[in-house]
Amino acid sequence: MSHPLETEYGLSANELLDAVNNRFRLKVALEGAVAEVHLQKKIGDLQNSGILARSEEHDLNGYPDFTIWTRKSSKPLLIECKNIRDEDYRSKGETIAYRVETQKTRAAKSDPSSRYYGMNQFDILAVCLGKKTGNWSHFLFIKINDLACHSRYANKLAVMHRVPFPESADIRPWYNDLGELIESF
């Protein structure tokens, strides 16, 4: 039985996958979707374990990727999902930390600061480490209030942030476990 995309585009699954693999921007978009699917699985596990009451996934411009509700609070938490960058932070030729970019693809013509995320646009940043670890279900998590502000716009996030190596002895204020971060709110 054919997948609906095979029918819609008149290509086999292998032809579609080759098209993705041979186009950089399309593969980057796929990596974003892969990270979001793996994060949804983690969120589902937290729902199944009783930490979360419910969740919603969003595919809307200008809105975070997920909204979650804990059993302890009626206030929802918003989660933005990003992939680690290819470029790392380096010092004297050594990689010292990973890097994540927190800015939108485009800015409104009338407001150049609109490309930057506001400090109130989400509560949690989930960073997929798949590009570096090869494990696309591997994430680090941080509260937005623990991220650096933009140097020119105090109510916006800086563009680049250091992400520690997950095996480091002390990764604070980052978390390896989303459930632990949620419990800290």
Foldseek 3Di string as FASTA:
>chain_A
DADVVCVVVVHHPVVVVVVCVVDVVSVQVVLQVLLLVLVVVLVVVCCVVQQWVDKDADDDPLAAGMWTHGPVDPDIFGEHEWEWDPDADDDPRHGFFTKTFAFAPDADPVDPCRRFAFLPRGFKYWYADCVPPVDRSFIKMATSVPADCPPVDRRTGHGMDTAHDPPDPDRPPIHRHPSVVSVVD
